[in-house]
Amino acid sequence: MSYLPNIIFAFILFLAIFLFRRNILYIKRNIQMGRAIDRSDRSSVRWCNMIRIALGQSKMVNKPIAGILHVIVYVGFIIINIELIEIILDGLFGTHRLFAPYIGELYNILIASFEILAALVLVSVVLFWLRRNTIKIRRFWKPEMKGWPKKDADYILYFEIVLMTLFLSMNATDQLLQGFGETNYTRAGLFPVSKLLTPLFSSFSIESLIVLERTFWWLHIIGILIFLNYLYYSKHLHILMAFPNTFFQNLNPKGSFKNNEAVTKEVKLMMDPSADPYAPSAEDIVPEKFGASDVTDLNWIQLMNAYTCTECGRCTDDCPANQTGKLLSPRKVMMDTRDRLEEVGKNINLNGKFVDDGKQLLNDYITKEELWACTSCNACVESCPIGIDPLSIIMDMRQYLVMEESSAPGDLNNMMSNIENNGAPWPFNNQDRMLWAKEN
């Protein structure tokens, strides 16, 4: 018996694991470039959120058609890959259907359920492709969904079609070889879907069937390992990132905005005539920069949000600013943040540390016009199926514009001047506010 196939398989497997680990460490390093933030409170609520939203897909079904199709693909992906354990062990030890003798009839039930799910996944993926490319649902054809984002969405669908087809073809040829009583092909499994494909292969000789079965087997497992490492470059990284993202999402009411501690302290001093503004205090926390102009000014959860974005477009679809033709797209904000973060990470990989490249997230990726178009209504946050918060990034960048660059729209500057001078947003003196009543 030759052990060469097992050695080759082990090499491919461990190479794939090594590359996957390296990519995950890159993502971890990039996320940790963000500012510290504590999200360790209410752990029981966070665990429930993760189970309900990430594992249970509770927010996906808000859009029933896309939600049901996604649940089918998600469940199929999770359950079918249970067989991946057996495939890997078979590849390492040169066995065939290793688990069959140990779990008996349950093995037949599992294989049958895998095949039914594979067929459902194929149907769902085809429908996804039609929605994107034939029906052309509007949120998939926004300006930011061109080039790589558009190609990536289609590549994933093609990947899944190929993997499911290989899985069913592998089982079809395997079933025929079992029927012929071929050595090394354990008679096990129930094949309700792949048996429909057996007529395609029934005219082949046993030698040809063995070659086909082995080819389908190798292509299937190598395809899965390639897909695993493709995740790093794809929006489908959310398959992994959705779990920590939903766990660490903001649990405060969506209308609640954080206060800048340094600004709050200054306001308190202004309102307390007896306070000594020069007295040292434990609250003397003055940031190097107010707000955010680049990704390293954001906190690590915001950076994790960027890597988690599925580019589904629900946030942009529900954004009132986008609906009225404004330039803002919350999805683009997240995509731009991720792209800039990747650019910074590659800069560090190349130079050993970050070397100023003359770019930043503000202006080079996200424009002021986009930021000021936001109504801060939280529709994007509410609509995201995995708890991403584009609004927090927008508000931090706005704070930078106002407090570091004194750059705000004229109407906003007028309003703030009126509040400072008149105690109200309107350009009327306190003494003149009731004049309108006297005129009547």
Protein backbone atom coordinates (compact mmCIF):
# COMPACT_ATOMS: atom_id res chain seq x y z
CA MET A 1 0.00 0.00 0.00
CA SER A 2 1.36 3.42 -1.02
CA TYR A 3 1.32 6.14 1.63
CA LEU A 4 2.16 8.88 -0.89
CA PRO A 5 -1.45 10.15 -1.23
CA ASN A 6 -1.73 10.38 2.57
CA ILE A 7 1.54 12.31 2.78
CA ILE A 8 0.46 14.68 0.01
CA PHE A 9 -2.91 15.19 1.69
CA ALA A 10 -1.28 15.88 5.07
CA PHE A 11 1.04 18.44 3.45
CA ILE A 12 -1.87 20.25 1.73
CA LEU A 13 -3.95 20.19 4.92
CA PHE A 14 -1.26 21.61 7.17
CA LEU A 15 -0.26 24.21 4.56
CA ALA A 16 -3.89 25.38 4.42
CA ILE A 17 -4.07 25.52 8.23
CA PHE A 18 -0.78 27.45 8.39
CA LEU A 19 -1.96 30.03 5.85
CA PHE A 20 -5.33 30.35 7.56
CA ARG A 21 -3.67 30.91 10.95
CA ARG A 22 -1.34 33.52 9.45
CA ASN A 23 -4.26 35.41 7.93
CA ILE A 24 -6.24 35.30 11.16
CA LEU A 25 -3.23 36.70 13.04
CA TYR A 26 -3.00 39.53 10.50
CA ILE A 27 -6.65 40.38 11.12
CA LYS A 28 -6.15 40.21 14.88
CA ARG A 29 -3.10 42.50 14.65
CA ASN A 30 -4.99 45.01 12.50
CA ILE A 31 -8.01 45.06 14.82
CA GLN A 32 -5.77 45.57 17.83
CA MET A 33 -4.44 48.78 16.25
CA GLY A 34 -7.73 50.35 17.33
CA ARG A 35 -8.17 52.26 20.56
CA ALA A 36 -9.14 50.41 23.71
CA ILE A 37 -12.79 50.10 24.66
CA ASP A 38 -14.39 48.00 27.38
CA ARG A 39 -17.29 45.78 26.33
CA SER A 40 -17.13 43.24 29.15
CA ASP A 41 -20.40 44.29 30.80
CA ARG A 42 -23.61 42.21 30.86
CA SER A 43 -21.96 39.03 29.66
CA SER A 44 -25.18 36.98 29.86
CA VAL A 45 -26.94 39.40 27.51
CA ARG A 46 -23.97 39.30 25.15
CA TRP A 47 -23.97 35.49 25.02
CA CYS A 48 -27.70 35.52 24.32
CA ASN A 49 -27.22 38.07 21.54
CA MET A 50 -24.51 35.98 19.93
CA ILE A 51 -26.59 32.81 20.06
CA ARG A 52 -29.76 34.53 18.85
CA ILE A 53 -28.30 36.78 16.13
CA ALA A 54 -25.12 35.07 14.88
CA LEU A 55 -26.05 31.42 15.42
CA GLY A 56 -29.84 31.73 15.22
CA GLN A 57 -29.89 34.18 12.27
CA SER A 58 -32.80 36.03 13.93
CA LYS A 59 -32.33 39.33 12.08
CA MET A 60 -31.75 37.74 8.67
CA VAL A 61 -35.42 36.80 8.30
CA ASN A 62 -36.50 40.44 8.53
CA LYS A 63 -36.34 40.17 4.75
CA PRO A 64 -38.09 36.79 4.37
CA ILE A 65 -36.92 35.66 0.91
CA ALA A 66 -33.24 36.51 1.40
CA GLY A 67 -33.45 35.40 5.02
CA ILE A 68 -34.84 31.93 4.33
CA LEU A 69 -32.36 31.34 1.50
CA HIS A 70 -29.51 32.48 3.73
CA VAL A 71 -30.62 30.20 6.56
CA ILE A 72 -30.67 27.22 4.17
CA VAL A 73 -27.14 27.99 2.93
CA TYR A 74 -25.93 28.66 6.48
CA VAL A 75 -27.40 25.47 7.95
CA GLY A 76 -26.17 23.49 4.96
CA PHE A 77 -22.68 24.94 5.34
CA ILE A 78 -22.54 24.03 9.03
CA ILE A 79 -24.06 20.55 8.84
CA ILE A 80 -22.51 19.32 5.59
CA ASN A 81 -19.09 20.25 6.91
CA ILE A 82 -19.57 17.78 9.75
CA GLU A 83 -18.59 15.21 7.14
CA LEU A 84 -15.41 17.21 6.63
CA ILE A 85 -14.09 15.60 9.83
CA GLU A 86 -14.46 12.16 8.29
CA ILE A 87 -13.00 13.27 4.95
CA ILE A 88 -9.90 14.68 6.68
CA LEU A 89 -9.38 11.53 8.73
CA ASP A 90 -9.88 9.37 5.63
CA GLY A 91 -7.29 11.48 3.84
CA LEU A 92 -4.76 11.21 6.65
CA PHE A 93 -5.17 7.48 7.35
CA GLY A 94 -6.14 6.16 3.91
CA THR A 95 -9.49 4.85 5.13
CA HIS A 96 -12.92 5.04 3.47
CA ARG A 97 -16.00 6.24 5.35
CA LEU A 98 -14.23 5.78 8.63
CA PHE A 99 -17.22 6.48 10.88
CA ALA A 100 -19.69 4.10 9.15
CA PRO A 101 -18.86 0.93 11.16
CA TYR A 102 -19.09 2.78 14.46
CA ILE A 103 -22.42 4.60 14.18
CA GLY A 104 -24.40 2.13 12.07
CA GLU A 105 -27.79 3.27 10.76
CA LEU A 106 -27.20 6.81 11.99
CA TYR A 107 -24.50 7.10 9.34
CA ASN A 108 -27.07 6.49 6.59
CA ILE A 109 -29.34 9.15 8.06
CA LEU A 110 -26.48 11.65 8.25
CA ILE A 111 -25.35 11.09 4.65
CA ALA A 112 -28.96 11.38 3.42
CA SER A 113 -29.45 14.65 5.32
CA PHE A 114 -26.15 16.00 3.96
CA GLU A 115 -27.27 15.27 0.42
CA ILE A 116 -30.70 16.84 0.85
CA LEU A 117 -29.09 19.96 2.33
CA ALA A 118 -26.54 20.05 -0.51
CA ALA A 119 -29.40 20.06 -3.03
CA LEU A 120 -31.20 22.82 -1.12
CA VAL A 121 -27.97 24.84 -0.96
CA LEU A 122 -27.55 24.48 -4.73
CA VAL A 123 -31.08 25.75 -5.34
CA SER A 124 -30.63 28.64 -2.88
CA VAL A 125 -27.30 29.69 -4.38
CA VAL A 126 -28.76 29.72 -7.89
CA LEU A 127 -31.62 31.89 -6.62
CA PHE A 128 -29.09 34.21 -4.94
CA TRP A 129 -27.24 34.51 -8.25
CA LEU A 130 -30.44 35.31 -10.11
CA ARG A 131 -31.39 37.97 -7.55
CA ARG A 132 -28.00 39.63 -7.98
CA ASN A 133 -27.42 39.31 -11.70
CA THR A 134 -30.78 38.85 -13.42
CA ILE A 135 -33.39 40.51 -11.22
CA LYS A 136 -30.68 43.02 -10.17
CA ILE A 137 -32.06 43.97 -6.78
CA ARG A 138 -31.18 47.63 -6.25
CA ARG A 139 -29.06 47.31 -3.11
CA PHE A 140 -26.64 44.98 -4.93
CA TRP A 141 -26.02 47.56 -7.66
CA LYS A 142 -25.15 50.67 -5.67
CA PRO A 143 -22.06 52.63 -6.84
CA GLU A 144 -19.75 51.02 -4.24
CA MET A 145 -20.68 47.53 -5.50
CA LYS A 146 -18.39 47.43 -8.48
CA GLY A 147 -15.00 45.94 -9.20
CA TRP A 148 -13.83 43.49 -6.54
CA PRO A 149 -16.93 43.69 -4.25
CA LYS A 150 -19.17 42.74 -7.18
CA LYS A 151 -16.84 39.95 -8.35
CA ASP A 152 -16.33 38.63 -4.81
CA ALA A 153 -20.07 38.17 -4.27
CA ASP A 154 -20.32 36.11 -7.48
CA TYR A 155 -17.12 34.14 -6.80
CA ILE A 156 -18.56 32.92 -3.51
CA LEU A 157 -21.70 31.70 -5.25
CA TYR A 158 -19.64 29.88 -7.88
CA PHE A 159 -17.49 28.35 -5.13
CA GLU A 160 -20.56 26.96 -3.38
CA ILE A 161 -22.05 25.58 -6.59
CA VAL A 162 -18.81 23.79 -7.44
CA LEU A 163 -18.31 22.41 -3.93
CA MET A 164 -21.86 21.03 -3.67
CA THR A 165 -21.66 19.55 -7.19
CA LEU A 166 -18.36 17.85 -6.36
CA PHE A 167 -19.81 16.50 -3.12
CA LEU A 168 -22.81 14.94 -4.88
CA SER A 169 -20.68 13.63 -7.78
CA MET A 170 -18.25 12.06 -5.32
CA ASN A 171 -21.14 10.28 -3.61
CA ALA A 172 -22.65 9.16 -6.94
CA THR A 173 -19.46 7.46 -8.10
CA ASP A 174 -18.84 6.12 -4.60
CA GLN A 175 -22.31 4.58 -4.60
CA LEU A 176 -21.65 2.79 -7.89
CA LEU A 177 -18.33 1.43 -6.65
CA GLN A 178 -19.99 0.16 -3.48
CA GLY A 179 -22.59 -1.59 -5.63
CA PHE A 180 -19.86 -3.30 -7.62
CA GLY A 181 -18.31 -4.52 -4.37
CA GLU A 182 -15.05 -2.79 -5.14
CA THR A 183 -12.27 -3.32 -2.58
CA ASN A 184 -11.68 -0.44 -0.14
CA TYR A 185 -15.18 1.01 -0.74
CA THR A 186 -17.16 0.31 2.43
CA ARG A 187 -20.82 -0.27 1.75
CA ALA A 188 -22.33 2.56 3.77
CA GLY A 189 -24.50 5.60 3.36
CA LEU A 190 -27.88 6.50 1.93
CA PHE A 191 -27.83 8.64 -1.22
CA PRO A 192 -31.27 10.11 -2.05
CA VAL A 193 -29.91 12.93 -4.25
CA SER A 194 -26.66 11.63 -5.74
CA LYS A 195 -28.40 8.46 -6.94
CA LEU A 196 -30.10 10.71 -9.50
CA LEU A 197 -26.63 11.38 -10.93
CA THR A 198 -25.55 7.73 -11.17
CA PRO A 199 -26.88 7.32 -14.76
CA LEU A 200 -24.24 9.86 -15.82
CA PHE A 201 -21.49 7.52 -14.62
CA SER A 202 -22.99 4.03 -14.98
CA SER A 203 -21.38 3.39 -18.38
CA PHE A 204 -17.85 3.90 -17.05
CA SER A 205 -15.56 1.00 -16.19
CA ILE A 206 -14.63 0.30 -12.58
CA GLU A 207 -11.13 1.70 -13.15
CA SER A 208 -12.58 4.91 -14.60
CA LEU A 209 -15.06 5.21 -11.73
CA ILE A 210 -12.24 4.92 -9.20
CA VAL A 211 -10.36 7.71 -10.99
CA LEU A 212 -13.49 9.88 -11.09
CA GLU A 213 -14.38 9.25 -7.45
CA ARG A 214 -10.84 10.05 -6.31
CA THR A 215 -10.77 13.15 -8.51
CA PHE A 216 -14.07 14.42 -7.09
CA TRP A 217 -12.84 13.63 -3.56
CA TRP A 218 -9.57 15.52 -4.00
CA LEU A 219 -11.17 18.49 -5.73
CA HIS A 220 -13.87 18.70 -3.05
CA ILE A 221 -11.49 18.77 -0.08
CA ILE A 222 -8.93 21.02 -1.80
CA GLY A 223 -11.79 23.35 -2.78
CA ILE A 224 -12.89 23.57 0.86
CA LEU A 225 -9.32 24.38 1.98
CA ILE A 226 -8.99 27.02 -0.73
CA PHE A 227 -12.33 28.50 0.35
CA LEU A 228 -11.12 28.57 3.95
CA ASN A 229 -8.17 30.74 2.98
CA TYR A 230 -10.20 32.80 0.51
CA LEU A 231 -12.28 34.05 3.44
CA TYR A 232 -9.50 36.48 4.40
CA TYR A 233 -9.90 38.32 1.09
CA SER A 234 -13.68 38.09 0.99
CA LYS A 235 -16.75 39.63 2.54
CA HIS A 236 -17.57 36.09 3.66
CA LEU A 237 -15.14 36.55 6.52
CA HIS A 238 -18.37 37.31 8.40
CA ILE A 239 -18.89 33.53 8.64
CA LEU A 240 -16.31 33.67 11.44
CA MET A 241 -16.45 37.32 12.55
CA ALA A 242 -20.21 37.48 13.13
CA PHE A 243 -19.86 35.64 16.44
CA PRO A 244 -17.45 38.00 18.24
CA ASN A 245 -19.09 40.97 16.53
CA THR A 246 -22.53 40.22 17.94
CA PHE A 247 -21.05 39.41 21.33
CA PHE A 248 -19.27 42.78 21.61
CA GLN A 249 -21.93 44.96 20.01
CA ASN A 250 -23.12 48.09 21.79
CA LEU A 251 -25.88 47.26 24.30
CA ASN A 252 -26.76 50.86 25.12
CA PRO A 253 -29.96 52.38 23.70
CA LYS A 254 -29.39 53.29 20.07
CA GLY A 255 -30.23 56.96 20.68
CA SER A 256 -27.54 57.23 23.34
CA PHE A 257 -24.30 58.89 22.21
CA LYS A 258 -21.08 58.73 24.17
CA ASN A 259 -19.67 61.88 25.74
CA ASN A 260 -16.06 62.88 25.30
CA GLU A 261 -14.68 62.93 28.86
CA ALA A 262 -12.28 65.80 28.20
CA VAL A 263 -15.04 67.98 26.76
CA THR A 264 -17.44 67.06 29.56
CA LYS A 265 -14.82 68.14 32.13
CA GLU A 266 -14.32 71.49 30.40
CA VAL A 267 -18.07 72.16 30.32
CA LYS A 268 -18.37 71.32 34.02
CA LEU A 269 -15.55 73.73 34.82
CA MET A 270 -17.26 76.47 32.84
CA MET A 271 -20.50 75.92 34.76
CA ASP A 272 -18.81 75.88 38.18
CA PRO A 273 -17.35 79.34 38.99
CA SER A 274 -15.68 77.99 42.15
CA ALA A 275 -13.71 75.31 40.31
CA ASP A 276 -9.99 75.71 39.77
CA PRO A 277 -9.37 74.91 36.09
CA TYR A 278 -5.68 74.33 36.78
CA ALA A 279 -6.10 71.90 39.69
CA PRO A 280 -4.87 68.39 38.79
CA SER A 281 -7.59 65.79 38.60
CA ALA A 282 -7.95 62.10 37.91
CA GLU A 283 -10.29 63.15 35.12
CA ASP A 284 -7.56 65.03 33.25
CA ILE A 285 -7.79 62.75 30.25
CA VAL A 286 -7.02 64.84 27.19
CA PRO A 287 -6.79 62.78 24.00
CA GLU A 288 -4.05 63.42 21.49
CA LYS A 289 -6.78 63.92 18.93
CA PHE A 290 -10.49 64.58 19.19
CA GLY A 291 -12.48 62.23 17.02
CA ALA A 292 -11.07 60.15 14.18
CA SER A 293 -9.43 60.98 10.87
CA ASP A 294 -7.82 57.57 10.25
CA VAL A 295 -8.45 53.96 11.21
CA THR A 296 -5.99 53.98 14.11
CA ASP A 297 -8.14 56.68 15.76
CA LEU A 298 -11.11 54.32 15.85
CA ASN A 299 -11.64 51.75 18.60
CA TRP A 300 -10.98 48.06 18.04
CA ILE A 301 -14.67 47.16 17.91
CA GLN A 302 -15.23 49.61 15.07
CA LEU A 303 -12.33 47.96 13.21
CA MET A 304 -13.80 44.53 13.92
CA ASN A 305 -17.10 45.81 12.53
CA ALA A 306 -15.30 46.69 9.30
CA TYR A 307 -13.94 43.17 8.89
CA THR A 308 -17.35 41.70 9.74
CA CYS A 309 -19.37 43.64 7.16
CA THR A 310 -21.24 41.28 4.81
CA GLU A 311 -21.81 44.01 2.19
CA CYS A 312 -25.46 42.94 2.09
CA GLY A 313 -26.54 46.56 1.71
CA ARG A 314 -29.44 46.48 4.16
CA CYS A 315 -27.97 49.48 5.98
CA THR A 316 -27.71 51.52 2.79
CA ASP A 317 -31.14 50.37 1.62
CA ASP A 318 -32.72 51.68 4.85
CA CYS A 319 -30.63 54.89 5.06
CA PRO A 320 -32.93 57.93 4.56
CA ALA A 321 -30.02 60.03 3.32
CA ASN A 322 -29.19 57.47 0.64
CA GLN A 323 -32.86 57.09 -0.27
CA THR A 324 -33.07 60.83 -1.01
CA GLY A 325 -30.05 60.76 -3.31
CA LYS A 326 -27.37 61.88 -0.85
CA LEU A 327 -23.84 60.59 -1.27
CA LEU A 328 -23.85 58.67 2.02
CA SER A 329 -23.85 54.87 1.99
CA PRO A 330 -23.28 53.23 5.40
CA ARG A 331 -22.10 50.08 3.61
CA LYS A 332 -19.44 52.13 1.79
CA VAL A 333 -18.30 53.61 5.13
CA MET A 334 -17.62 50.09 6.43
CA MET A 335 -16.00 48.93 3.18
CA ASP A 336 -13.78 52.03 3.09
CA THR A 337 -12.76 51.52 6.71
CA ARG A 338 -11.78 47.91 5.99
CA ASP A 339 -9.90 48.88 2.81
CA ARG A 340 -7.94 51.57 4.63
CA LEU A 341 -7.21 49.21 7.54
CA GLU A 342 -5.89 46.61 5.10
CA GLU A 343 -3.74 49.28 3.46
CA VAL A 344 -2.26 50.25 6.83
CA GLY A 345 -1.69 46.57 7.67
CA LYS A 346 0.15 45.94 4.39
CA ASN A 347 2.27 49.03 5.05
CA ILE A 348 3.32 47.52 8.40
CA ASN A 349 3.99 44.11 6.82
CA LEU A 350 6.23 45.75 4.24
CA ASN A 351 8.15 48.14 6.52
CA GLY A 352 8.03 46.47 9.93
CA LYS A 353 6.15 49.51 11.25
CA PHE A 354 3.74 52.03 9.82
CA VAL A 355 5.42 54.52 7.50
CA ASP A 356 3.36 57.61 6.74
CA ASP A 357 1.84 57.17 3.30
CA GLY A 358 0.23 60.58 3.10
CA LYS A 359 -3.25 59.10 3.23
CA GLN A 360 -6.00 58.81 5.80
CA LEU A 361 -9.54 57.53 6.05
CA LEU A 362 -10.96 61.05 5.95
CA ASN A 363 -10.97 62.61 2.48
CA ASP A 364 -8.95 59.84 0.80
CA TYR A 365 -11.70 57.28 1.42
CA ILE A 366 -14.68 58.94 3.09
CA THR A 367 -15.58 62.50 2.11
CA LYS A 368 -16.97 65.27 4.29
CA GLU A 369 -20.08 65.33 2.13
CA GLU A 370 -20.80 61.71 3.04
CA LEU A 371 -20.31 62.37 6.75
CA TRP A 372 -22.55 65.41 6.92
CA ALA A 373 -25.31 63.72 4.92
CA CYS A 374 -25.95 61.39 7.87
CA THR A 375 -29.08 62.16 9.92
CA SER A 376 -27.82 60.01 12.86
CA CYS A 377 -31.16 58.17 12.84
CA ASN A 378 -29.58 54.74 13.55
CA ALA A 379 -31.52 53.06 10.72
CA CYS A 380 -28.29 51.47 9.50
CA VAL A 381 -27.48 50.07 12.93
CA GLU A 382 -31.00 48.72 13.39
CA SER A 383 -31.07 47.04 9.97
CA CYS A 384 -27.68 45.29 10.16
CA PRO A 385 -28.22 41.54 10.59
CA ILE A 386 -25.01 41.10 12.63
CA GLY A 387 -24.85 44.22 14.83
CA ILE A 388 -22.47 46.48 12.87
CA ASP A 389 -22.47 50.18 13.82
CA PRO A 390 -21.52 52.49 10.90
CA LEU A 391 -22.95 55.49 12.75
CA SER A 392 -20.28 55.38 15.47
CA ILE A 393 -17.56 55.79 12.83
CA ILE A 394 -19.44 58.64 11.17
CA MET A 395 -19.89 60.46 14.49
CA ASP A 396 -16.22 60.05 15.48
CA MET A 397 -15.12 61.46 12.13
CA ARG A 398 -17.57 64.34 12.48
CA GLN A 399 -16.11 65.10 15.89
CA TYR A 400 -12.68 65.35 14.32
CA LEU A 401 -13.96 67.76 11.68
CA VAL A 402 -15.61 70.02 14.25
CA MET A 403 -13.04 69.95 17.05
CA GLU A 404 -9.77 69.55 15.16
CA GLU A 405 -10.44 71.28 11.86
CA SER A 406 -13.30 73.63 12.82
CA SER A 407 -14.89 72.32 9.67
CA ALA A 408 -18.65 72.08 9.83
CA PRO A 409 -21.44 73.08 7.44
CA GLY A 410 -22.42 76.75 7.64
CA ASP A 411 -25.90 75.98 8.96
CA LEU A 412 -24.44 73.91 11.79
CA ASN A 413 -21.95 76.64 12.70
CA ASN A 414 -24.80 79.17 12.76
CA MET A 415 -26.84 76.90 15.00
CA MET A 416 -23.96 76.43 17.46
CA SER A 417 -23.30 80.19 17.50
CA ASN A 418 -26.98 80.81 18.24
CA ILE A 419 -26.92 78.29 21.09
CA GLU A 420 -23.83 79.98 22.51
CA ASN A 421 -25.21 83.50 22.21
CA ASN A 422 -28.97 83.05 22.53
CA GLY A 423 -29.38 79.77 24.38
CA ALA A 424 -31.40 78.34 21.48
CA PRO A 425 -30.77 77.28 17.87
CA TRP A 426 -32.69 80.27 16.49
CA PRO A 427 -31.19 83.69 15.70
CA PHE A 428 -33.40 85.56 18.16
CA ASN A 429 -32.46 87.26 21.39
CA ASN A 430 -33.94 85.79 24.57
CA GLN A 431 -35.97 88.95 25.09
CA ASP A 432 -37.51 88.77 21.63
CA ARG A 433 -38.74 85.19 21.60
CA MET A 434 -42.36 86.04 22.41
CA LEU A 435 -42.75 88.96 20.04
CA TRP A 436 -44.57 86.76 17.57
CA ALA A 437 -47.40 86.34 20.09
CA LYS A 438 -47.84 90.08 20.55
CA GLU A 439 -48.18 90.59 16.81
CA ASN A 440 -51.37 88.54 16.93
